């Protein structure tokens, strides 16, 4: 029987309509470090604003909000 080191819920990362649940590869990283990892698959997060909130049940949600840019 294995016990989890802590009983906190994994963080949820959101970018657009994509939701990513924290796993071993992201558990020790800050939101900025996760952004660096995700920017290769999701280029829009490279310059995104990071919005962090906690739900009533203690779930931490980290959203990457792309900054509006101009085309052309």
Protein backbone atom coordinates (compact mmCIF):
# COMPACT_ATOMS: atom_id res chain seq x y z
CA UNK A 1 0.00 0.00 0.00
CA UNK A 2 1.42 3.37 -1.03
CA UNK A 3 0.51 6.66 0.62
CA UNK A 4 0.62 9.93 -1.24
CA UNK A 5 3.12 12.42 0.18
CA UNK A 6 0.39 15.03 0.58
CA UNK A 7 -3.36 15.03 0.25
CA UNK A 8 -3.59 18.13 -1.90
CA UNK A 9 -5.30 17.92 -5.25
CA UNK A 10 -3.22 18.15 -8.41
CA UNK A 11 -3.22 21.57 -10.05
CA UNK A 12 -5.22 22.12 -13.24
CA UNK A 13 -3.63 24.08 -16.08
CA UNK A 14 -5.89 25.63 -18.71
CA UNK A 15 -5.10 27.21 -22.05
CA UNK A 16 -8.00 27.95 -24.35
CA UNK A 17 -10.24 24.87 -24.35
CA UNK A 18 -7.40 22.56 -23.26
CA UNK A 19 -7.23 21.34 -19.66
CA UNK A 20 -4.09 19.65 -18.35
CA UNK A 21 -3.94 17.94 -14.96
CA UNK A 22 -0.69 18.15 -13.03
CA UNK A 23 1.40 14.97 -13.00
CA UNK A 24 4.89 13.95 -11.87
CA UNK A 25 6.51 15.96 -14.67
CA UNK A 26 4.94 19.24 -13.53
CA UNK A 27 4.41 18.73 -9.79
CA UNK A 28 7.58 20.51 -8.67
CA UNK A 29 7.37 23.36 -11.17
CA UNK A 30 6.16 26.92 -10.75
CA UNK A 31 3.47 28.28 -13.10
CA UNK A 32 6.18 30.09 -15.08
CA UNK A 33 8.18 26.87 -15.47
CA UNK A 34 5.07 25.02 -16.63
CA UNK A 35 4.51 27.79 -19.18
CA UNK A 36 8.05 27.19 -20.50
CA UNK A 37 7.27 23.48 -20.91
CA UNK A 38 3.88 24.05 -22.56
CA UNK A 39 4.92 26.79 -24.99
CA UNK A 40 6.37 24.25 -27.43
CA UNK A 41 3.02 22.49 -27.81
CA UNK A 42 0.89 25.59 -27.19
CA UNK A 43 2.76 28.63 -28.61
CA UNK A 44 0.04 31.00 -27.40
CA UNK A 45 1.13 30.49 -23.77
CA UNK A 46 4.63 31.89 -24.40
CA UNK A 47 3.50 35.45 -23.65
CA UNK A 48 0.25 34.65 -21.88
CA UNK A 49 -0.86 36.20 -18.62
CA UNK A 50 -1.00 33.68 -15.77
CA UNK A 51 -4.17 33.73 -13.68
CA UNK A 52 -4.23 31.54 -10.56
CA UNK A 53 -7.33 30.83 -8.52
CA UNK A 54 -8.46 28.27 -5.97
CA UNK A 55 -11.92 26.75 -6.01
CA UNK A 56 -14.01 26.35 -2.86
CA UNK A 57 -12.92 22.72 -2.54
CA UNK A 58 -9.22 23.66 -2.65
CA UNK A 59 -8.51 22.86 -6.31
CA UNK A 60 -5.87 25.21 -7.75
CA UNK A 61 -6.61 26.34 -11.31
CA UNK A 62 -3.86 28.02 -13.32
CA UNK A 63 -5.03 29.65 -16.54
CA UNK A 64 -2.78 30.88 -19.33
CA UNK A 65 -4.61 33.82 -20.91
CA UNK A 66 -3.15 34.77 -24.29
CA UNK A 67 -2.48 38.46 -24.77
CA UNK A 68 -4.28 39.96 -27.73
CA UNK A 69 -1.91 40.77 -30.51
CA UNK A 70 -2.07 42.30 -33.92
CA UNK A 71 -1.68 40.44 -37.12
CA UNK A 72 0.24 41.54 -40.12
